Every structure is written in structure tokens, then in C-alpha cells.
Amino acid sequence: MISEERPLDPGYQFYLPPAGRCVTVGADEQEVLLPQIPLPLEFAPDTETEPSDRQLGVSLYNYLRRFPDCPRCSDYAQLLQQAFPYYLTDIASQIIMLEAKDVDAPYVRRKINYLKILLHLNPKNPQLLQKLGIAYFELGMIYVELIHIRREFSHAVTFLQRAVNIDPQDTTTLNVLGQICYLMGDYPAVLRYWQGVVDKIPDCTARQLLRQRISRIADGQHPQCPIIDDLEAIGIATEHFAANEFDAATEIMNRLEEEAIIPEELPSPEFFYFLGLCREKSEELAGAFEAYTKALQVDPEHQASGAAIDRMTTYSGK
């Protein structure tokens, strides 16, 4: 029976199983009773025929990994575990594969969705909560996502705080929370989280460096304005750039380079590479060449900056 309730994707419809409908699971053909709730079913013109077990499993899996926060998401995850457990193996494999890839927004979002499905099955697992928090932190720091950095950081803090409430001794969770708070300008929280890390790790170079950072923050040697403001400004610049508003993007990036907070606090070739792109599009060619050169000084292996210099050198030689 097809429900009148509308799914989040018009390519689906909701199927309401009749009382007593079961699906067959495993080699021993164990029967699992379907719950009496609307189940997502990929749209098919023939609504008179009962969907097969395979159709139900594929539809449920595809819908849940696209909308892991959908209504009844926990019920769907439980059904996936009980009736279609092989999809959980696929989720674990997908997460491992995605963690091996370069940090890229679409891949991180996919990983987040997979982790959320697993979290529905084990909501008090501190490792899953930590992984989700770190994934949101990574997502927020990707240049093309900086326009949404506050939203992603908010998600990150939510999951990481849940993790630390369960396992307050985990130094990785404490460290990442400290990093986020530092970027957001919440320095008392930074001292609290990082002191927790220092108190728990053995004496080593990393501990000594962290102690030095804590000392500088305690002495007021930190940015007076939250670094997240400048990161968000880069996000605004990327929006201008995408809209072909190159002068506006260049103005923002030039200001950030002059103020030098981002280059000093978060040195990365991406900052100077994007600065170079903005200047090149605004026909500030000498400034663009300088920015690409600085990117290579930060990372001599940054291929995009090397290619940009080669391109500009070729143009200037014509």
C-alpha cells in the first residue's frame, strides 16, 4: 500500500507494509517482520504490485544515506541492521575508503552521512561522535565551504561535546574542541580543553609545544578578533569569485593578506593560491605571480600554484 505522506525526494514514495509482511534474511532464510511505518520506496509506475525484498532494501539504504536525519531515521537504521545487515558492511567499507581520500567536501559529506547511520544504531558511542565532530570540523575548514564555517563548527562542537561527556579522558576530542574554540575566539575554553590534553599525555615535543601555546594564550598573546571572522571573509570572497565579481574578491583577500592573521595563524598554500587567482582575474598580474610564489614557499609541492606560475610565465613570454 502506498502512503500519501511525501518523502524528502520526489523520486521516492512511501510504502506502508501490510500487517504481517516479512522479508527473508540470510542463508538460513530467517524472516524479519516489517514495522508498520511508511518505508521509502524508489518510485515505480506499478503501484499495484508488492515490492520485493530487494527493492525495499535498496530503497531504504539509498534513502537513508541521502537523508540520515530524516523522520523515523532511527527506525530505518534499525530495520537496515535487522533485515539488510549486508548494507552495514558496505557502510563500514565506504567510510574506510573515504577516510583514505583527500579532504574534499563531497567526500566528507558522504562520510558524515554514513557515520550518522551508524550513530543511530549506537548513539552513545564516543568514537562515532568524535569522528562526526572531526568530519564537520574538516568540512568547515575546506575553502569552498568557509562561507558555512559557523554552521559546520556548530555541528562539530555538538558531536564532540557529546563525545567528551561520555569519555572526558579522550585527548583527541579535547584537542579538536580546543582548536575550534581557538578559531572562534573562546580563549577561556581553549585553556580548559588544552590543559586537559597536557595533563593526560606523556612528556614529548607535542606536549611542550602545546604548553607554550597555552602560556601565550594565558598571557593574552592571541588574535584580538576571532580568526573565524577572517575565515568567513574568505568564504565571502569565494562567493564573489564564483559570481565573477573578481574585484570584490580581490579586495577581501588583499585585506586579509595585509592584516596577516590568516597567513600567520593558519599558513597554507591554499590562501596564497586563491589570492593569486583573485589577482590574476583582476589583472593584477605581478601581485598574482607574487601570491603563487608565496604558496610554493609554504608548500613547494603545491601543484596548482606551480601550474599557475608556468601559465603566467608562458603568457608573459608571448
Protein backbone atom coordinates (compact mmCIF):
# COMPACT_ATOMS: atom_id res chain seq x y z
CA MET A 1 0.00 0.00 0.00
CA ILE A 2 1.35 3.44 -0.96
CA SER A 3 1.13 6.11 1.73
CA GLU A 4 0.00 9.66 0.95
CA GLU A 5 2.89 11.03 3.02
CA ARG A 6 5.51 12.75 0.87
CA PRO A 7 9.19 11.74 1.06
CA LEU A 8 12.06 14.24 1.00
CA ASP A 9 12.80 13.28 -2.62
CA PRO A 10 10.02 13.13 -5.24
CA GLY A 11 11.83 10.15 -6.75
CA TYR A 12 10.53 8.13 -3.80
CA GLN A 13 7.15 7.18 -2.45
CA PHE A 14 6.26 5.80 0.95
CA TYR A 15 5.21 2.18 1.15
CA LEU A 16 3.09 1.10 4.12
CA PRO A 17 3.63 -2.64 4.65
CA PRO A 18 0.53 -4.71 5.23
CA ALA A 19 0.21 -6.41 8.60
CA GLY A 20 2.41 -9.48 8.75
CA ARG A 21 4.69 -8.56 5.82
CA CYS A 22 8.14 -10.06 6.34
CA VAL A 23 11.43 -10.03 4.48
CA THR A 24 13.74 -13.03 4.28
CA VAL A 25 17.24 -12.57 5.67
CA GLY A 26 20.42 -14.62 5.21
CA ALA A 27 21.23 -18.14 4.08
CA ASP A 28 19.04 -19.61 6.81
CA GLU A 29 16.12 -17.57 5.39
CA GLN A 30 15.15 -16.03 8.69
CA GLU A 31 12.04 -13.88 8.44
CA VAL A 32 12.03 -10.32 9.80
CA LEU A 33 8.69 -8.64 10.35
CA LEU A 34 8.47 -5.19 8.77
CA PRO A 35 7.36 -2.40 11.12
CA GLN A 36 4.02 -0.74 10.47
CA ILE A 37 5.56 2.58 9.41
CA PRO A 38 5.91 4.26 6.00
CA LEU A 39 9.08 2.96 4.30
CA PRO A 40 10.86 4.84 1.49
CA LEU A 41 10.48 3.11 -1.85
CA GLU A 42 12.08 4.29 -5.07
CA PHE A 43 9.28 5.40 -7.35
CA ALA A 44 7.87 2.78 -9.70
CA PRO A 45 4.88 3.23 -12.04
CA ASP A 46 3.43 -0.12 -10.99
CA THR A 47 1.98 0.58 -7.56
CA GLU A 48 -0.31 -2.42 -7.59
CA THR A 49 2.47 -4.99 -7.14
CA GLU A 50 4.01 -5.56 -3.72
CA PRO A 51 7.69 -4.50 -3.75
CA SER A 52 10.26 -7.26 -3.48
CA ASP A 53 12.60 -7.64 -0.52
CA ARG A 54 15.43 -6.40 -2.70
CA GLN A 55 13.51 -3.27 -3.75
CA LEU A 56 12.77 -2.47 -0.13
CA GLY A 57 16.41 -2.94 0.93
CA VAL A 58 17.92 -0.91 -1.89
CA SER A 59 15.40 1.90 -1.44
CA LEU A 60 15.83 2.04 2.32
CA TYR A 61 19.63 2.13 2.06
CA ASN A 62 19.76 4.75 -0.68
CA TYR A 63 17.22 6.98 1.07
CA LEU A 64 18.88 6.77 4.47
CA ARG A 65 22.36 7.55 3.19
CA ARG A 66 20.98 10.62 1.44
CA PHE A 67 18.79 11.74 4.34
CA PRO A 68 20.29 10.34 7.56
CA ASP A 69 18.39 12.92 9.65
CA CYS A 70 15.01 12.20 8.04
CA PRO A 71 11.89 11.49 10.11
CA ARG A 72 12.00 7.93 11.50
CA CYS A 73 15.73 7.75 10.71
CA SER A 74 16.47 5.64 13.79
CA ASP A 75 13.70 3.20 12.88
CA TYR A 76 15.08 2.94 9.35
CA ALA A 77 18.61 2.30 10.62
CA GLN A 78 17.33 -0.41 12.97
CA LEU A 79 15.46 -2.07 10.11
CA LEU A 80 18.56 -1.88 7.93
CA GLN A 81 20.52 -3.68 10.65
CA GLN A 82 17.89 -6.36 11.22
CA ALA A 83 16.68 -7.07 7.68
CA PHE A 84 19.51 -5.93 5.41
CA PRO A 85 22.71 -6.22 7.51
CA TYR A 86 24.99 -6.50 4.47
CA TYR A 87 24.46 -2.78 3.88
CA LEU A 88 26.11 -2.01 7.22
CA THR A 89 29.19 -3.84 5.99
CA ASP A 90 29.10 -1.64 2.90
CA ILE A 91 28.82 1.47 5.08
CA ALA A 92 31.93 0.47 7.05
CA SER A 93 33.82 -0.16 3.82
CA GLN A 94 32.71 3.18 2.39
CA ILE A 95 33.88 5.05 5.49
CA ILE A 96 37.32 3.41 5.32
CA MET A 97 37.60 4.27 1.63
CA LEU A 98 36.52 7.88 2.16
CA GLU A 99 38.98 8.38 5.02
CA ALA A 100 41.78 7.37 2.64
CA LYS A 101 40.84 10.09 0.14
CA ASP A 102 41.98 13.70 0.14
CA VAL A 103 39.78 16.03 2.19
CA ASP A 104 37.16 17.13 -0.30
CA ALA A 105 33.70 18.50 0.52
CA PRO A 106 31.56 15.86 -1.30
CA TYR A 107 33.58 13.01 0.21
CA VAL A 108 33.39 14.47 3.72
CA ARG A 109 29.63 14.94 3.41
CA ARG A 110 29.22 11.33 2.31
CA LYS A 111 31.30 10.17 5.26
CA ILE A 112 29.17 12.26 7.62
CA ASN A 113 26.00 10.64 6.31
CA TYR A 114 27.40 7.14 6.72
CA LEU A 115 28.60 7.89 10.25
CA LYS A 116 25.17 9.22 11.19
CA ILE A 117 23.56 5.95 10.13
CA LEU A 118 25.93 4.03 12.39
CA LEU A 119 25.32 6.52 15.20
CA HIS A 120 21.57 5.82 15.05
CA LEU A 121 22.45 2.24 15.98
CA ASN A 122 24.86 3.22 18.75
CA PRO A 123 24.06 6.78 19.87
CA LYS A 124 26.39 6.72 22.88
CA ASN A 125 29.49 5.55 21.04
CA PRO A 126 32.17 8.19 21.78
CA GLN A 127 34.33 7.14 18.81
CA LEU A 128 31.47 7.67 16.35
CA LEU A 129 30.62 11.01 17.96
CA GLN A 130 34.27 12.03 17.77
CA LYS A 131 34.54 11.01 14.11
CA LEU A 132 31.43 13.02 13.26
CA GLY A 133 32.73 16.07 15.11
CA ILE A 134 36.10 15.90 13.36
CA ALA A 135 34.40 15.40 9.98
CA TYR A 136 32.30 18.54 10.48
CA PHE A 137 35.44 20.42 11.57
CA GLU A 138 37.25 19.29 8.41
CA LEU A 139 34.24 20.24 6.29
CA GLY A 140 34.10 23.72 7.77
CA MET A 141 37.80 24.30 7.03
CA ILE A 142 37.57 23.45 3.32
CA TYR A 143 37.94 26.70 1.38
CA VAL A 144 34.82 26.28 -0.75
CA GLU A 145 32.84 25.62 2.45
CA LEU A 146 34.17 28.53 4.53
CA ILE A 147 31.01 30.52 3.85
CA HIS A 148 29.26 27.93 6.07
CA ILE A 149 32.03 27.59 8.66
CA ARG A 150 29.92 28.70 11.63
CA ARG A 151 27.22 26.16 10.82
CA GLU A 152 29.71 23.31 10.40
CA PHE A 153 31.62 24.27 13.55
CA SER A 154 28.35 24.31 15.48
CA HIS A 155 27.66 20.74 14.35
CA ALA A 156 31.25 19.77 15.19
CA VAL A 157 31.05 21.15 18.73
CA THR A 158 27.71 19.41 19.31
CA PHE A 159 29.09 15.97 18.46
CA LEU A 160 32.46 16.50 20.13
CA GLN A 161 30.83 17.74 23.33
CA ARG A 162 28.61 14.64 23.39
CA ALA A 163 31.75 12.54 22.95
CA VAL A 164 33.66 14.24 25.75
CA ASN A 165 30.66 13.94 28.08
CA ILE A 166 30.88 10.16 27.62
CA ASP A 167 34.69 9.93 27.59
CA PRO A 168 36.24 13.01 29.23
CA GLN A 169 39.72 11.47 29.05
CA ASP A 170 39.97 11.33 25.27
CA THR A 171 42.76 13.75 24.32
CA THR A 172 41.88 13.79 20.60
CA THR A 173 38.37 15.08 21.34
CA LEU A 174 39.71 17.65 23.80
CA ASN A 175 42.35 18.82 21.33
CA VAL A 176 39.91 19.33 18.46
CA LEU A 177 37.47 21.16 20.73
CA GLY A 178 40.39 23.40 21.71
CA GLN A 179 41.24 24.06 18.08
CA ILE A 180 37.67 25.03 17.26
CA CYS A 181 37.39 27.29 20.30
CA TYR A 182 40.70 28.96 19.36
CA LEU A 183 39.39 29.79 15.90
CA MET A 184 36.14 31.06 17.40
CA GLY A 185 37.97 33.28 19.89
CA ASP A 186 36.74 31.49 23.02
CA TYR A 187 40.12 31.52 24.74
CA PRO A 188 38.98 30.50 28.25
CA ALA A 189 37.51 27.33 26.68
CA VAL A 190 40.76 26.78 24.76
CA LEU A 191 42.75 26.85 28.00
CA ARG A 192 40.32 24.41 29.61
CA TYR A 193 40.39 21.89 26.77
CA TRP A 194 44.11 22.08 26.01
CA GLN A 195 45.09 21.95 29.67
CA GLY A 196 43.11 18.72 29.77
CA VAL A 197 45.27 17.40 26.93
CA VAL A 198 48.54 18.47 28.58
CA ASP A 199 47.52 16.81 31.84
CA LYS A 200 46.90 13.49 30.12
CA ILE A 201 49.69 12.98 27.55
CA PRO A 202 53.29 11.96 28.33
CA ASP A 203 56.11 14.46 28.14
CA CYS A 204 57.08 14.87 24.49
CA THR A 205 57.62 17.57 21.89
CA ALA A 206 53.89 17.88 21.20
CA ARG A 207 53.19 18.39 24.91
CA GLN A 208 55.87 21.04 25.21
CA LEU A 209 54.55 22.92 22.17
CA LEU A 210 51.01 22.80 23.49
CA ARG A 211 52.17 24.08 26.88
CA GLN A 212 53.84 27.02 25.10
CA ARG A 213 50.63 27.83 23.24
CA ILE A 214 48.65 27.66 26.48
CA SER A 215 51.14 30.02 28.13
CA ARG A 216 50.90 32.53 25.27
CA ILE A 217 47.10 32.47 25.36
CA ALA A 218 47.08 32.92 29.14
CA ASP A 219 49.34 35.97 28.67
CA GLY A 220 46.94 37.45 26.11
CA GLN A 221 49.15 36.69 23.12
CA HIS A 222 46.40 35.69 20.75
CA PRO A 223 44.39 37.34 17.95
CA GLN A 224 42.16 40.06 19.34
CA CYS A 225 39.40 39.26 16.87
CA PRO A 226 38.18 35.69 16.30
CA ILE A 227 40.00 34.04 13.42
CA ILE A 228 36.69 32.62 12.27
CA ASP A 229 35.73 36.14 11.11
CA ASP A 230 38.60 36.12 8.63
CA LEU A 231 37.88 32.56 7.55
CA GLU A 232 34.29 33.54 6.90
CA ALA A 233 35.56 36.52 4.90
CA ILE A 234 37.45 34.10 2.67
CA GLY A 235 34.15 32.28 2.20
CA ILE A 236 32.53 35.54 1.13
CA ALA A 237 35.42 36.11 -1.28
CA THR A 238 34.88 32.67 -2.82
CA GLU A 239 31.23 33.57 -3.35
CA HIS A 240 32.25 36.79 -5.13
CA PHE A 241 34.74 34.83 -7.22
CA ALA A 242 32.12 32.27 -8.23
CA ALA A 243 29.84 35.14 -9.31
CA ASN A 244 32.67 36.63 -11.45
CA GLU A 245 32.91 39.57 -9.03
CA PHE A 246 36.69 39.38 -9.08
CA ASP A 247 37.46 42.90 -7.86
CA ALA A 248 35.33 42.37 -4.74
CA ALA A 249 37.02 39.03 -4.07
CA THR A 250 40.47 40.55 -4.58
CA GLU A 251 39.73 43.42 -2.21
CA ILE A 252 38.84 40.99 0.59
CA MET A 253 41.84 38.75 0.00
CA ASN A 254 44.27 41.69 -0.23
CA ARG A 255 42.98 42.97 3.11
CA LEU A 256 43.42 39.58 4.74
CA GLU A 257 46.98 39.30 3.45
CA GLU A 258 47.81 42.78 4.70
CA GLU A 259 46.38 42.07 8.15
CA ALA A 260 48.39 38.80 8.11
CA ILE A 261 46.31 36.95 10.71
CA ILE A 262 45.43 34.00 8.46
CA PRO A 263 48.92 33.63 6.93
CA GLU A 264 50.50 33.67 10.39
CA GLU A 265 47.98 31.59 12.31
CA LEU A 266 46.99 29.14 9.56
CA PRO A 267 49.77 29.11 6.96
CA SER A 268 48.60 27.21 3.91
CA PRO A 269 49.28 27.31 0.18
CA GLU A 270 45.52 27.49 -0.47
CA PHE A 271 45.32 31.01 0.96
CA PHE A 272 48.00 32.39 -1.34
CA TYR A 273 46.82 30.33 -4.32
CA PHE A 274 43.29 31.75 -4.04
CA LEU A 275 44.77 35.23 -3.54
CA GLY A 276 46.72 34.69 -6.75
CA LEU A 277 43.63 33.57 -8.64
CA CYS A 278 41.73 36.66 -7.50
CA ARG A 279 44.55 38.99 -8.51
CA GLU A 280 45.02 37.23 -11.84
CA LYS A 281 41.34 37.59 -12.67
CA SER A 282 41.52 41.26 -11.64
CA GLU A 283 44.55 41.67 -13.95
CA GLU A 284 46.92 42.35 -11.07
CA LEU A 285 49.44 40.06 -12.70
CA ALA A 286 52.53 41.00 -10.71
CA GLY A 287 50.61 40.54 -7.47
CA ALA A 288 49.23 37.23 -8.70
CA PHE A 289 52.71 35.93 -9.51
CA GLU A 290 53.88 37.00 -6.05
CA ALA A 291 50.97 35.18 -4.38
CA TYR A 292 51.59 31.96 -6.31
CA THR A 293 55.25 32.17 -5.33
CA LYS A 294 54.32 32.52 -1.66
CA ALA A 295 52.07 29.48 -1.97
CA LEU A 296 55.04 27.46 -3.18
CA GLN A 297 57.15 28.79 -0.32
CA VAL A 298 54.60 27.32 2.09
CA ASP A 299 54.36 24.06 0.13
CA PRO A 300 56.86 23.52 -2.71
CA GLU A 301 54.73 20.59 -3.92
CA HIS A 302 51.54 22.62 -4.38
CA GLN A 303 50.78 21.65 -7.96
CA ALA A 304 48.09 24.23 -8.70
CA SER A 305 50.41 27.13 -7.80
CA GLY A 306 53.24 25.65 -9.84
CA ALA A 307 50.91 25.29 -12.82
CA ALA A 308 49.71 28.88 -12.37
CA ILE A 309 53.28 30.22 -12.43
CA ASP A 310 54.03 28.17 -15.55
CA ARG A 311 50.88 29.54 -17.16
CA MET A 312 51.73 33.13 -16.34
CA THR A 313 55.32 32.68 -17.46
CA THR A 314 54.10 31.29 -20.78
CA TYR A 315 51.73 34.22 -21.28
CA SER A 316 54.39 36.80 -20.44
CA GLY A 317 56.77 35.19 -22.94
CA LYS A 318 54.38 35.56 -25.84
